[in-house]
């Protein structure tokens, strides 16, 4: 996915998000970086220092984000239901129903779709869908 942000701003976002300054982003730092990039691209805002709520996000304990086999099976069933023509892809219209059930704002759902659609073709294969 391309943010279309200038390289120097992306570097600033990375520097802000890498709270422990180890040159890598853990899950909380990565989420922080995504939020900063989103705010910059949509609202033109880029702080000079990390706001408190985002700092707290980077300091939460590491969680195991791996998908369990049972969850993967559920995702596969959902994907196959949405892929009614068995083409191996789910388009935006098919995905809209399941995404909107989450109750998240449409703008955030659109951003999640963009992050998941790694090849930016407007549809999701199963690997992108289960991400």
Foldseek 3Di string as FASTA:
>chain_A
DDLPDDPVLLVQLLVQLPVVPPSDHAPLSVVSSLVQSVCCSPPVDHDNHDDPVSVVSRPDDDDDPDDDPVRLVVLVVLQCVLPVVPPQKHAPVSVVVVLVVVVDDPVVSVSLLVVLPVVPPRIHGSVSSSD
